[in-house]
Amino acid sequence: MNKLITTFLISAFCVLNSFAQTSIWKVSKNGKTLYLGGSIHLLRESDYPLPKEYDSAFVESDKIVFETDIEKLEDPAFAQSFMAEGTFKDGKNLNNVLTKKNYEKLKKQCAKVSLPLDMMTNFKPSIIILTLTTMKFQTMGLSAEGIDKYYHLKGKEANKSFDFLETVDEQKDVLLKMGDGNENDYVKHSIKSFDDIETDFDAIVSDWRNGNTAII
């Protein structure tokens, strides 16, 4: 059965034959074919149309395997549980977990996108950084319709079968644990990355579109 796998995890497959000059790889054995496609979860309107090789792999595939179940990710119940589990317990909060210097730096970053940090001190740094990153991406014109969602919608229209590499609970667990026990280093390095976020994103999209694996 043919498959189009939409995932970031392409580094282990660089020895495969390239399907074209973009981030698509093709593996065939015993009459079966698998297409491995590099994914970016957020894209700008200007990033479309996608490289034609993605549509070719999609058309030739019977099943699409995504990183996780997009519909469950967008379920309001999932968002509620995510936020609930992202709060501090046992009397902790941002003020007594972060140093004053890191708290003020984080507050300054949040102010740039009108995010009231002083009203969110019960949330773990992972929630704050994810929210801040999403809002920064929005100011750059990025939307939630990246490659995954784009082909999820096309797959439903074409009655393709779906499978997933991870459950949404597995993804939630990883995201919520980011920075646990190392909150100050996590916040400090995250803030530093914001300075180059737009330039870095442009480079990532360019490398993805052109199939540049030299950075892997």
N, C-alpha and C. Protein backbone atom coordinates (compact mmCIF):
# COMPACT_ATOMS: atom_id res chain seq x y z
N MET A 1 0.86 -1.20 0.00
CA MET A 1 0.00 0.00 0.00
C MET A 1 0.89 1.24 0.00
N ASN A 2 0.58 2.21 -0.85
CA ASN A 2 1.35 3.44 -0.90
C ASN A 2 1.06 4.31 0.30
N LYS A 3 2.05 5.08 0.70
CA LYS A 3 1.86 5.98 1.83
C LYS A 3 2.54 7.31 1.55
N LEU A 4 1.92 8.40 2.01
CA LEU A 4 2.56 9.70 2.05
C LEU A 4 2.70 10.05 3.51
N ILE A 5 3.92 10.10 4.02
CA ILE A 5 4.13 10.41 5.42
C ILE A 5 4.49 11.88 5.55
N THR A 6 3.70 12.60 6.29
CA THR A 6 3.93 14.01 6.49
C THR A 6 4.51 14.22 7.87
N THR A 7 5.79 14.50 7.94
CA THR A 7 6.46 14.56 9.24
C THR A 7 7.74 15.37 9.16
N PHE A 8 8.17 15.92 10.26
CA PHE A 8 9.45 16.61 10.32
C PHE A 8 10.62 15.63 10.35
N LEU A 9 10.39 14.41 10.72
CA LEU A 9 11.45 13.46 11.00
C LEU A 9 12.07 12.90 9.72
N ILE A 10 12.87 13.75 9.04
CA ILE A 10 13.44 13.32 7.77
C ILE A 10 14.92 12.99 7.87
N SER A 11 15.55 13.30 8.98
CA SER A 11 17.00 13.15 9.05
C SER A 11 17.46 11.71 8.91
N ALA A 12 16.67 10.76 9.41
CA ALA A 12 17.07 9.36 9.35
C ALA A 12 16.89 8.76 7.96
N PHE A 13 16.33 9.51 7.05
CA PHE A 13 16.01 8.97 5.74
C PHE A 13 16.79 9.65 4.62
N CYS A 14 17.84 10.36 4.97
CA CYS A 14 18.58 11.09 3.95
C CYS A 14 19.30 10.19 2.96
N VAL A 15 19.43 8.90 3.28
CA VAL A 15 20.10 7.99 2.36
C VAL A 15 19.15 7.50 1.27
N LEU A 16 17.90 7.87 1.35
CA LEU A 16 16.92 7.41 0.36
C LEU A 16 17.05 8.23 -0.92
N ASN A 17 16.46 7.71 -1.96
CA ASN A 17 16.49 8.43 -3.23
C ASN A 17 15.55 9.62 -3.20
N SER A 18 16.03 10.75 -3.63
CA SER A 18 15.19 11.95 -3.66
C SER A 18 14.19 11.85 -4.80
N PHE A 19 12.95 12.22 -4.49
CA PHE A 19 11.89 12.18 -5.49
C PHE A 19 12.04 13.34 -6.46
N ALA A 20 12.55 14.46 -5.98
CA ALA A 20 12.79 15.64 -6.80
C ALA A 20 13.57 16.64 -5.95
N GLN A 21 13.78 17.84 -6.47
CA GLN A 21 14.53 18.84 -5.71
C GLN A 21 13.63 19.54 -4.70
N THR A 22 13.07 18.75 -3.82
CA THR A 22 12.31 19.28 -2.70
C THR A 22 12.34 18.20 -1.62
N SER A 23 11.66 18.43 -0.51
CA SER A 23 11.76 17.52 0.64
C SER A 23 10.79 16.35 0.55
N ILE A 24 10.89 15.59 -0.54
CA ILE A 24 10.12 14.36 -0.72
C ILE A 24 11.09 13.23 -1.05
N TRP A 25 10.91 12.10 -0.35
CA TRP A 25 11.74 10.93 -0.63
C TRP A 25 10.83 9.75 -0.97
N LYS A 26 11.33 8.86 -1.82
CA LYS A 26 10.54 7.73 -2.28
C LYS A 26 11.29 6.43 -2.01
N VAL A 27 10.58 5.47 -1.42
CA VAL A 27 11.15 4.15 -1.13
C VAL A 27 10.22 3.10 -1.73
N SER A 28 10.76 2.19 -2.51
CA SER A 28 9.95 1.14 -3.14
C SER A 28 10.57 -0.23 -2.87
N LYS A 29 9.71 -1.21 -2.59
CA LYS A 29 10.17 -2.58 -2.39
C LYS A 29 8.99 -3.53 -2.57
N ASN A 30 9.22 -4.59 -3.34
CA ASN A 30 8.21 -5.62 -3.56
C ASN A 30 6.87 -5.03 -4.03
N GLY A 31 6.96 -4.06 -4.89
CA GLY A 31 5.75 -3.48 -5.47
C GLY A 31 5.04 -2.47 -4.59
N LYS A 32 5.60 -2.18 -3.42
CA LYS A 32 4.99 -1.20 -2.52
C LYS A 32 5.86 0.05 -2.47
N THR A 33 5.22 1.19 -2.30
CA THR A 33 5.94 2.46 -2.31
C THR A 33 5.55 3.31 -1.11
N LEU A 34 6.55 3.94 -0.53
CA LEU A 34 6.33 4.88 0.55
C LEU A 34 6.94 6.22 0.15
N TYR A 35 6.19 7.29 0.31
CA TYR A 35 6.71 8.64 0.10
C TYR A 35 6.86 9.31 1.46
N LEU A 36 8.03 9.86 1.70
CA LEU A 36 8.29 10.56 2.95
C LEU A 36 8.41 12.04 2.65
N GLY A 37 7.54 12.84 3.24
CA GLY A 37 7.54 14.27 2.96
C GLY A 37 7.82 15.10 4.19
N GLY A 38 8.76 16.01 4.08
CA GLY A 38 9.04 16.94 5.17
C GLY A 38 7.89 17.91 5.34
N SER A 39 7.56 18.22 6.61
CA SER A 39 6.40 19.05 6.89
C SER A 39 6.76 20.31 7.66
N ILE A 40 6.01 21.37 7.41
CA ILE A 40 6.06 22.59 8.21
C ILE A 40 4.63 22.86 8.66
N HIS A 41 4.43 22.98 9.97
CA HIS A 41 3.07 23.05 10.51
C HIS A 41 2.38 24.39 10.26
N LEU A 42 3.16 25.45 10.10
CA LEU A 42 2.61 26.78 9.85
C LEU A 42 3.23 27.36 8.58
N LEU A 43 2.40 27.94 7.74
CA LEU A 43 2.90 28.54 6.51
C LEU A 43 2.19 29.86 6.26
N ARG A 44 2.80 30.67 5.40
CA ARG A 44 2.17 31.92 4.96
C ARG A 44 1.43 31.68 3.65
N GLU A 45 0.52 32.56 3.35
CA GLU A 45 -0.22 32.44 2.08
C GLU A 45 0.74 32.47 0.90
N SER A 46 1.83 33.23 1.05
CA SER A 46 2.81 33.34 -0.04
C SER A 46 3.62 32.06 -0.25
N ASP A 47 3.55 31.11 0.70
CA ASP A 47 4.28 29.85 0.57
C ASP A 47 3.55 28.85 -0.33
N TYR A 48 2.34 29.19 -0.73
CA TYR A 48 1.58 28.34 -1.64
C TYR A 48 1.68 28.92 -3.05
N PRO A 49 1.59 28.07 -4.09
CA PRO A 49 1.36 26.63 -4.03
C PRO A 49 2.57 25.86 -3.53
N LEU A 50 2.32 24.68 -2.99
CA LEU A 50 3.39 23.82 -2.52
C LEU A 50 4.12 23.22 -3.72
N PRO A 51 5.34 22.72 -3.51
CA PRO A 51 6.04 22.04 -4.61
C PRO A 51 5.17 20.94 -5.22
N LYS A 52 5.15 20.86 -6.53
CA LYS A 52 4.24 19.95 -7.24
C LYS A 52 4.46 18.48 -6.85
N GLU A 53 5.67 18.15 -6.36
CA GLU A 53 5.97 16.77 -5.99
C GLU A 53 5.10 16.30 -4.82
N TYR A 54 4.67 17.22 -3.96
CA TYR A 54 3.80 16.83 -2.85
C TYR A 54 2.44 16.37 -3.37
N ASP A 55 1.88 17.11 -4.31
CA ASP A 55 0.59 16.70 -4.88
C ASP A 55 0.73 15.39 -5.64
N SER A 56 1.86 15.20 -6.32
CA SER A 56 2.06 13.95 -7.05
C SER A 56 2.08 12.75 -6.09
N ALA A 57 2.78 12.90 -4.97
CA ALA A 57 2.84 11.83 -3.98
C ALA A 57 1.48 11.61 -3.35
N PHE A 58 0.75 12.68 -3.13
CA PHE A 58 -0.59 12.58 -2.54
C PHE A 58 -1.53 11.79 -3.46
N VAL A 59 -1.51 12.12 -4.75
CA VAL A 59 -2.39 11.46 -5.71
C VAL A 59 -2.08 9.97 -5.80
N GLU A 60 -0.82 9.61 -5.74
CA GLU A 60 -0.41 8.22 -5.89
C GLU A 60 -0.57 7.39 -4.61
N SER A 61 -0.94 8.03 -3.51
CA SER A 61 -0.99 7.34 -2.22
C SER A 61 -2.39 6.92 -1.83
N ASP A 62 -2.49 5.76 -1.17
CA ASP A 62 -3.76 5.28 -0.65
C ASP A 62 -3.97 5.72 0.79
N LYS A 63 -2.86 5.87 1.52
CA LYS A 63 -2.94 6.23 2.94
C LYS A 63 -2.00 7.39 3.23
N ILE A 64 -2.44 8.29 4.11
CA ILE A 64 -1.60 9.40 4.55
C ILE A 64 -1.33 9.23 6.03
N VAL A 65 -0.06 9.28 6.40
CA VAL A 65 0.32 9.13 7.81
C VAL A 65 0.84 10.47 8.31
N PHE A 66 0.11 11.05 9.27
CA PHE A 66 0.49 12.34 9.82
C PHE A 66 1.22 12.18 11.14
N GLU A 67 1.81 13.27 11.61
CA GLU A 67 2.50 13.23 12.89
C GLU A 67 1.51 12.89 14.02
N THR A 68 0.33 13.53 13.97
CA THR A 68 -0.70 13.23 14.96
C THR A 68 -2.06 13.59 14.37
N ASP A 69 -3.12 13.31 15.12
CA ASP A 69 -4.49 13.51 14.65
C ASP A 69 -4.87 14.99 14.76
N ILE A 70 -4.94 15.67 13.62
CA ILE A 70 -5.20 17.10 13.59
C ILE A 70 -6.58 17.45 14.13
N GLU A 71 -7.57 16.64 13.82
CA GLU A 71 -8.93 16.92 14.30
C GLU A 71 -9.00 16.89 15.82
N LYS A 72 -8.31 15.94 16.43
CA LYS A 72 -8.30 15.87 17.90
C LYS A 72 -7.54 17.05 18.50
N LEU A 73 -6.49 17.49 17.82
CA LEU A 73 -5.74 18.65 18.30
C LEU A 73 -6.61 19.89 18.33
N GLU A 74 -7.54 19.99 17.37
CA GLU A 74 -8.39 21.17 17.27
C GLU A 74 -9.67 21.06 18.07
N ASP A 75 -9.86 19.95 18.75
CA ASP A 75 -11.04 19.75 19.60
C ASP A 75 -10.94 20.67 20.82
N PRO A 76 -11.96 21.49 21.12
CA PRO A 76 -11.93 22.38 22.28
C PRO A 76 -11.63 21.63 23.59
N ALA A 77 -12.07 20.39 23.69
CA ALA A 77 -11.81 19.61 24.90
C ALA A 77 -10.31 19.38 25.09
N PHE A 78 -9.59 19.17 23.97
CA PHE A 78 -8.15 18.98 24.06
C PHE A 78 -7.48 20.26 24.54
N ALA A 79 -7.91 21.39 24.01
CA ALA A 79 -7.34 22.68 24.41
C ALA A 79 -7.57 22.94 25.89
N GLN A 80 -8.75 22.59 26.38
CA GLN A 80 -9.06 22.79 27.79
C GLN A 80 -8.16 21.94 28.68
N SER A 81 -7.98 20.68 28.31
CA SER A 81 -7.14 19.79 29.12
C SER A 81 -5.68 20.23 29.04
N PHE A 82 -5.26 20.71 27.87
CA PHE A 82 -3.89 21.18 27.70
C PHE A 82 -3.60 22.35 28.63
N MET A 83 -4.50 23.32 28.67
CA MET A 83 -4.31 24.49 29.52
C MET A 83 -4.39 24.12 31.00
N ALA A 84 -5.31 23.22 31.32
CA ALA A 84 -5.47 22.81 32.72
C ALA A 84 -4.22 22.10 33.24
N GLU A 85 -3.65 21.24 32.42
CA GLU A 85 -2.46 20.49 32.82
C GLU A 85 -1.20 21.34 32.73
N GLY A 86 -1.31 22.51 32.11
CA GLY A 86 -0.16 23.40 31.97
C GLY A 86 -0.03 24.40 33.09
N THR A 87 -0.79 24.23 34.17
CA THR A 87 -0.69 25.13 35.31
C THR A 87 0.21 24.54 36.39
N PHE A 88 0.80 25.41 37.17
CA PHE A 88 1.65 24.97 38.28
C PHE A 88 0.81 24.34 39.38
N LYS A 89 1.46 23.45 40.10
CA LYS A 89 0.84 22.83 41.28
C LYS A 89 1.72 23.10 42.50
N ASP A 90 1.22 22.80 43.68
CA ASP A 90 2.01 22.88 44.92
C ASP A 90 2.54 24.28 45.21
N GLY A 91 1.74 25.29 44.89
CA GLY A 91 2.12 26.65 45.26
C GLY A 91 3.15 27.32 44.37
N LYS A 92 3.59 26.66 43.31
CA LYS A 92 4.56 27.27 42.41
C LYS A 92 3.88 28.26 41.47
N ASN A 93 4.64 29.23 40.97
CA ASN A 93 4.19 30.14 39.92
C ASN A 93 5.41 30.71 39.23
N LEU A 94 5.19 31.48 38.17
CA LEU A 94 6.32 32.01 37.41
C LEU A 94 7.24 32.88 38.27
N ASN A 95 6.66 33.61 39.21
CA ASN A 95 7.44 34.52 40.03
C ASN A 95 8.44 33.81 40.93
N ASN A 96 8.07 32.62 41.42
CA ASN A 96 9.02 31.94 42.31
C ASN A 96 9.78 30.81 41.62
N VAL A 97 9.53 30.60 40.33
CA VAL A 97 10.29 29.62 39.56
C VAL A 97 11.37 30.30 38.72
N LEU A 98 11.04 31.46 38.15
CA LEU A 98 12.00 32.20 37.34
C LEU A 98 12.73 33.24 38.18
N THR A 99 13.97 33.53 37.78
CA THR A 99 14.68 34.64 38.41
C THR A 99 13.98 35.94 38.01
N LYS A 100 14.19 36.98 38.78
CA LYS A 100 13.56 38.27 38.48
C LYS A 100 14.00 38.76 37.10
N LYS A 101 15.28 38.54 36.77
CA LYS A 101 15.80 38.99 35.47
C LYS A 101 15.11 38.27 34.32
N ASN A 102 14.97 36.95 34.43
CA ASN A 102 14.31 36.21 33.35
C ASN A 102 12.83 36.52 33.26
N TYR A 103 12.21 36.73 34.40
CA TYR A 103 10.79 37.09 34.40
C TYR A 103 10.59 38.41 33.66
N GLU A 104 11.43 39.39 33.95
CA GLU A 104 11.28 40.70 33.32
C GLU A 104 11.56 40.63 31.82
N LYS A 105 12.53 39.80 31.43
CA LYS A 105 12.81 39.63 30.00
C LYS A 105 11.61 38.99 29.30
N LEU A 106 11.03 37.99 29.95
CA LEU A 106 9.86 37.32 29.37
C LEU A 106 8.69 38.28 29.29
N LYS A 107 8.51 39.09 30.32
CA LYS A 107 7.42 40.07 30.35
C LYS A 107 7.58 41.09 29.22
N LYS A 108 8.81 41.48 28.94
CA LYS A 108 9.07 42.43 27.86
C LYS A 108 8.71 41.84 26.51
N GLN A 109 9.04 40.56 26.30
CA GLN A 109 8.68 39.88 25.05
C GLN A 109 7.17 39.77 24.91
N CYS A 110 6.50 39.42 26.00
CA CYS A 110 5.04 39.28 25.97
C CYS A 110 4.36 40.60 25.65
N ALA A 111 4.92 41.70 26.16
CA ALA A 111 4.34 43.02 25.94
C ALA A 111 4.35 43.39 24.46
N LYS A 112 5.32 42.85 23.72
CA LYS A 112 5.42 43.16 22.29
C LYS A 112 4.22 42.65 21.50
N VAL A 113 3.55 41.63 22.04
CA VAL A 113 2.37 41.08 21.36
C VAL A 113 1.12 41.22 22.24
N SER A 114 1.20 42.16 23.21
CA SER A 114 0.07 42.47 24.10
C SER A 114 -0.41 41.25 24.88
N LEU A 115 0.54 40.42 25.33
CA LEU A 115 0.22 39.27 26.16
C LEU A 115 0.49 39.63 27.62
N PRO A 116 -0.55 39.66 28.47
CA PRO A 116 -0.39 40.13 29.86
C PRO A 116 0.23 39.06 30.77
N LEU A 117 1.52 39.03 30.86
CA LEU A 117 2.21 37.98 31.63
C LEU A 117 1.82 37.99 33.10
N ASP A 118 1.62 39.17 33.67
CA ASP A 118 1.29 39.25 35.10
C ASP A 118 -0.03 38.57 35.43
N MET A 119 -0.86 38.35 34.43
CA MET A 119 -2.14 37.68 34.64
C MET A 119 -2.05 36.18 34.32
N MET A 120 -0.84 35.71 33.98
CA MET A 120 -0.68 34.32 33.56
C MET A 120 0.39 33.61 34.39
N THR A 121 0.64 34.08 35.60
CA THR A 121 1.75 33.54 36.38
C THR A 121 1.51 32.12 36.89
N ASN A 122 0.28 31.65 36.81
CA ASN A 122 0.00 30.27 37.24
C ASN A 122 0.32 29.25 36.15
N PHE A 123 0.62 29.72 34.95
CA PHE A 123 0.94 28.80 33.85
C PHE A 123 2.43 28.50 33.81
N LYS A 124 2.76 27.27 33.41
CA LYS A 124 4.15 26.85 33.26
C LYS A 124 4.80 27.63 32.11
N PRO A 125 6.13 27.76 32.13
CA PRO A 125 6.81 28.44 31.03
C PRO A 125 6.51 27.83 29.66
N SER A 126 6.28 26.51 29.60
CA SER A 126 5.99 25.88 28.31
C SER A 126 4.73 26.47 27.68
N ILE A 127 3.71 26.72 28.49
CA ILE A 127 2.47 27.32 27.98
C ILE A 127 2.72 28.75 27.53
N ILE A 128 3.45 29.50 28.32
CA ILE A 128 3.73 30.90 27.97
C ILE A 128 4.54 30.99 26.68
N ILE A 129 5.58 30.18 26.57
CA ILE A 129 6.44 30.23 25.38
C ILE A 129 5.67 29.78 24.14
N LEU A 130 4.86 28.74 24.25
CA LEU A 130 4.07 28.28 23.11
C LEU A 130 3.07 29.36 22.67
N THR A 131 2.43 29.99 23.64
CA THR A 131 1.47 31.07 23.32
C THR A 131 2.19 32.24 22.68
N LEU A 132 3.31 32.62 23.25
CA LEU A 132 4.09 33.74 22.73
C LEU A 132 4.59 33.44 21.32
N THR A 133 5.08 32.24 21.10
CA THR A 133 5.57 31.85 19.77
C THR A 133 4.45 31.89 18.74
N THR A 134 3.29 31.37 19.11
CA THR A 134 2.15 31.38 18.19
C THR A 134 1.75 32.80 17.82
N MET A 135 1.73 33.69 18.80
CA MET A 135 1.35 35.08 18.53
C MET A 135 2.39 35.78 17.67
N LYS A 136 3.66 35.46 17.88
CA LYS A 136 4.70 36.05 17.05
C LYS A 136 4.58 35.55 15.60
N PHE A 137 4.28 34.27 15.44
CA PHE A 137 4.08 33.73 14.10
C PHE A 137 2.89 34.40 13.41
N GLN A 138 1.86 34.69 14.17
CA GLN A 138 0.68 35.35 13.59
C GLN A 138 1.04 36.73 13.07
N THR A 139 1.91 37.45 13.79
CA THR A 139 2.33 38.78 13.31
C THR A 139 3.16 38.67 12.04
N MET A 140 3.71 37.49 11.78
CA MET A 140 4.49 37.26 10.56
C MET A 140 3.61 36.79 9.40
N GLY A 141 2.31 36.66 9.65
CA GLY A 141 1.38 36.26 8.60
C GLY A 141 1.23 34.77 8.45
N LEU A 142 1.69 33.99 9.45
CA LEU A 142 1.55 32.54 9.38
C LEU A 142 0.18 32.12 9.90
N SER A 143 -0.35 31.05 9.30
CA SER A 143 -1.63 30.51 9.73
C SER A 143 -1.46 29.05 10.10
N ALA A 144 -2.51 28.49 10.70
CA ALA A 144 -2.46 27.09 11.14
C ALA A 144 -2.50 26.12 9.97
N GLU A 145 -2.80 26.59 8.77
CA GLU A 145 -2.87 25.68 7.63
C GLU A 145 -1.48 25.49 7.03
N GLY A 146 -0.72 24.64 7.69
CA GLY A 146 0.55 24.23 7.13
C GLY A 146 0.33 22.99 6.27
N ILE A 147 1.39 22.27 6.01
CA ILE A 147 1.32 21.10 5.13
C ILE A 147 0.40 20.03 5.69
N ASP A 148 0.50 19.80 7.01
CA ASP A 148 -0.32 18.76 7.63
C ASP A 148 -1.82 19.01 7.43
N LYS A 149 -2.25 20.22 7.80
CA LYS A 149 -3.68 20.51 7.70
C LYS A 149 -4.14 20.56 6.24
N TYR A 150 -3.28 21.08 5.39
CA TYR A 150 -3.62 21.17 3.97
C TYR A 150 -3.94 19.80 3.39
N TYR A 151 -3.06 18.82 3.68
CA TYR A 151 -3.29 17.48 3.12
C TYR A 151 -4.29 16.67 3.94
N HIS A 152 -4.53 17.07 5.15
CA HIS A 152 -5.60 16.42 5.92
C HIS A 152 -6.95 16.75 5.29
N LEU A 153 -7.14 18.03 4.94
CA LEU A 153 -8.38 18.45 4.29
C LEU A 153 -8.53 17.80 2.92
N LYS A 154 -7.43 17.80 2.14
CA LYS A 154 -7.48 17.18 0.82
C LYS A 154 -7.73 15.68 0.93
N GLY A 155 -7.16 15.07 1.95
CA GLY A 155 -7.33 13.64 2.15
C GLY A 155 -8.77 13.27 2.48
N LYS A 156 -9.43 14.10 3.28
CA LYS A 156 -10.83 13.85 3.61
C LYS A 156 -11.70 13.98 2.36
N GLU A 157 -11.41 14.98 1.56
CA GLU A 157 -12.18 15.18 0.33
C GLU A 157 -12.00 14.01 -0.64
N ALA A 158 -10.80 13.43 -0.64
CA ALA A 158 -10.48 12.34 -1.56
C ALA A 158 -10.73 10.96 -0.95
N ASN A 159 -11.28 10.94 0.28
CA ASN A 159 -11.56 9.68 0.98
C ASN A 159 -10.32 8.81 1.17
N LYS A 160 -9.19 9.46 1.45
CA LYS A 160 -7.97 8.71 1.76
C LYS A 160 -8.07 8.16 3.18
N SER A 161 -7.37 7.09 3.46
CA SER A 161 -7.30 6.59 4.84
C SER A 161 -6.14 7.28 5.55
N PHE A 162 -6.27 7.44 6.87
CA PHE A 162 -5.28 8.14 7.66
C PHE A 162 -4.67 7.23 8.72
N ASP A 163 -3.46 7.56 9.10
CA ASP A 163 -2.84 6.95 10.27
C ASP A 163 -1.95 8.01 10.91
N PHE A 164 -1.45 7.73 12.14
CA PHE A 164 -0.72 8.75 12.88
C PHE A 164 0.49 8.14 13.58
N LEU A 165 1.57 8.91 13.65
CA LEU A 165 2.79 8.44 14.30
C LEU A 165 2.71 8.55 15.82
N GLU A 166 1.95 9.52 16.32
CA GLU A 166 1.82 9.75 17.75
C GLU A 166 0.38 10.06 18.09
N THR A 167 -0.02 9.79 19.33
CA THR A 167 -1.33 10.21 19.81
C THR A 167 -1.24 11.67 20.24
N VAL A 168 -2.38 12.33 20.33
CA VAL A 168 -2.37 13.73 20.78
C VAL A 168 -1.93 13.82 22.23
N ASP A 169 -2.21 12.80 23.03
CA ASP A 169 -1.78 12.81 24.43
C ASP A 169 -0.27 12.70 24.54
N GLU A 170 0.34 11.94 23.64
CA GLU A 170 1.81 11.85 23.63
C GLU A 170 2.43 13.19 23.28
N GLN A 171 1.84 13.88 22.31
CA GLN A 171 2.34 15.20 21.95
C GLN A 171 2.15 16.19 23.08
N LYS A 172 0.98 16.14 23.71
CA LYS A 172 0.69 17.04 24.82
C LYS A 172 1.70 16.85 25.94
N ASP A 173 2.01 15.60 26.25
CA ASP A 173 2.94 15.30 27.33
C ASP A 173 4.32 15.88 27.05
N VAL A 174 4.78 15.77 25.81
CA VAL A 174 6.08 16.31 25.44
C VAL A 174 6.09 17.83 25.55
N LEU A 175 5.06 18.48 25.02
CA LEU A 175 4.99 19.93 25.04
C LEU A 175 4.93 20.49 26.45
N LEU A 176 4.13 19.86 27.30
CA LEU A 176 3.96 20.37 28.65
C LEU A 176 5.21 20.19 29.51
N LYS A 177 6.03 19.22 29.17
CA LYS A 177 7.23 18.96 29.97
C LYS A 177 8.44 19.79 29.53
N MET A 178 8.29 20.57 28.47
CA MET A 178 9.41 21.39 28.01
C MET A 178 9.83 22.37 29.11
N GLY A 179 11.07 22.30 29.49
CA GLY A 179 11.59 23.22 30.50
C GLY A 179 11.41 22.77 31.93
N ASP A 180 10.70 21.69 32.17
CA ASP A 180 10.50 21.23 33.55
C ASP A 180 11.83 20.97 34.23
N GLY A 181 12.04 21.60 35.37
CA GLY A 181 13.27 21.44 36.11
C GLY A 181 14.40 22.33 35.63
N ASN A 182 14.22 22.94 34.46
CA ASN A 182 15.22 23.86 33.89
C ASN A 182 14.52 25.10 33.34
N GLU A 183 13.58 25.61 34.13
CA GLU A 183 12.71 26.69 33.64
C GLU A 183 13.48 27.94 33.21
N ASN A 184 14.50 28.32 33.97
CA ASN A 184 15.23 29.54 33.65
C ASN A 184 16.03 29.41 32.35
N ASP A 185 16.71 28.28 32.18
CA ASP A 185 17.45 28.07 30.93
C ASP A 185 16.50 28.00 29.74
N TYR A 186 15.37 27.33 29.93
CA TYR A 186 14.39 27.19 28.85
C TYR A 186 13.86 28.55 28.40
N VAL A 187 13.51 29.40 29.37
CA VAL A 187 12.99 30.73 29.05
C VAL A 187 14.08 31.59 28.42
N LYS A 188 15.29 31.53 28.98
CA LYS A 188 16.40 32.35 28.47
C LYS A 188 16.71 32.02 27.02
N HIS A 189 16.82 30.73 26.69
CA HIS A 189 17.14 30.33 25.32
C HIS A 189 15.98 30.58 24.37
N SER A 190 14.76 30.45 24.86
CA SER A 190 13.59 30.73 24.02
C SER A 190 13.54 32.20 23.65
N ILE A 191 13.78 33.07 24.62
CA ILE A 191 13.77 34.51 24.37
C ILE A 191 14.86 34.88 23.36
N LYS A 192 16.02 34.26 23.50
CA LYS A 192 17.11 34.54 22.57
C LYS A 192 16.74 34.16 21.14
N SER A 193 16.01 33.06 20.99
CA SER A 193 15.63 32.61 19.65
C SER A 193 14.64 33.54 18.98
N PHE A 194 13.88 34.30 19.78
CA PHE A 194 12.88 35.21 19.20
C PHE A 194 13.53 36.33 18.39
N ASP A 195 14.77 36.67 18.71
CA ASP A 195 15.43 37.76 18.00
C ASP A 195 15.61 37.45 16.52
N ASP A 196 15.76 36.17 16.21
CA ASP A 196 16.02 35.78 14.81
C ASP A 196 14.90 34.94 14.23
N ILE A 197 13.73 34.97 14.86
CA ILE A 197 12.67 34.05 14.48
C ILE A 197 12.22 34.22 13.03
N GLU A 198 12.13 35.43 12.56
CA GLU A 198 11.66 35.66 11.18
C GLU A 198 12.71 35.22 10.17
N THR A 199 13.97 35.59 10.42
CA THR A 199 15.05 35.19 9.52
C THR A 199 15.21 33.69 9.50
N ASP A 200 15.15 33.07 10.68
CA ASP A 200 15.29 31.61 10.76
C ASP A 200 14.16 30.91 10.04
N PHE A 201 12.95 31.44 10.16
CA PHE A 201 11.81 30.80 9.51
C PHE A 201 11.95 30.88 7.99
N ASP A 202 12.38 32.01 7.48
CA ASP A 202 12.59 32.15 6.04
C ASP A 202 13.59 31.11 5.54
N ALA A 203 14.66 30.90 6.33
CA ALA A 203 15.70 29.93 5.93
C ALA A 203 15.16 28.51 5.96
N ILE A 204 14.34 28.20 6.98
CA ILE A 204 13.76 26.86 7.09
C ILE A 204 12.85 26.57 5.90
N VAL A 205 12.00 27.52 5.55
CA VAL A 205 11.08 27.33 4.43
C VAL A 205 11.86 27.15 3.12
N SER A 206 12.90 27.95 2.95
CA SER A 206 13.71 27.84 1.73
C SER A 206 14.39 26.47 1.64
N ASP A 207 14.96 26.01 2.76
CA ASP A 207 15.61 24.70 2.75
C ASP A 207 14.62 23.57 2.53
N TRP A 208 13.44 23.70 3.13
CA TRP A 208 12.40 22.68 2.93
C TRP A 208 11.96 22.65 1.47
N ARG A 209 11.69 23.80 0.89
CA ARG A 209 11.19 23.84 -0.49
C ARG A 209 12.22 23.32 -1.48
N ASN A 210 13.49 23.57 -1.20
CA ASN A 210 14.55 23.18 -2.14
C ASN A 210 15.17 21.84 -1.81
N GLY A 211 14.68 21.17 -0.77
CA GLY A 211 15.21 19.85 -0.43
C GLY A 211 16.64 19.91 0.08
N ASN A 212 17.00 20.99 0.76
CA ASN A 212 18.36 21.14 1.27
C ASN A 212 18.51 20.37 2.57
N THR A 213 19.24 19.28 2.56
CA THR A 213 19.44 18.46 3.76
C THR A 213 20.82 18.70 4.40
N ALA A 214 21.54 19.70 3.92
CA ALA A 214 22.89 19.94 4.45
C ALA A 214 22.85 20.35 5.91
N ILE A 215 21.71 20.90 6.37
CA ILE A 215 21.62 21.38 7.74
C ILE A 215 21.25 20.26 8.69
N ILE A 216 20.90 19.08 8.20
CA ILE A 216 20.45 17.98 9.05
C ILE A 216 21.65 17.24 9.65
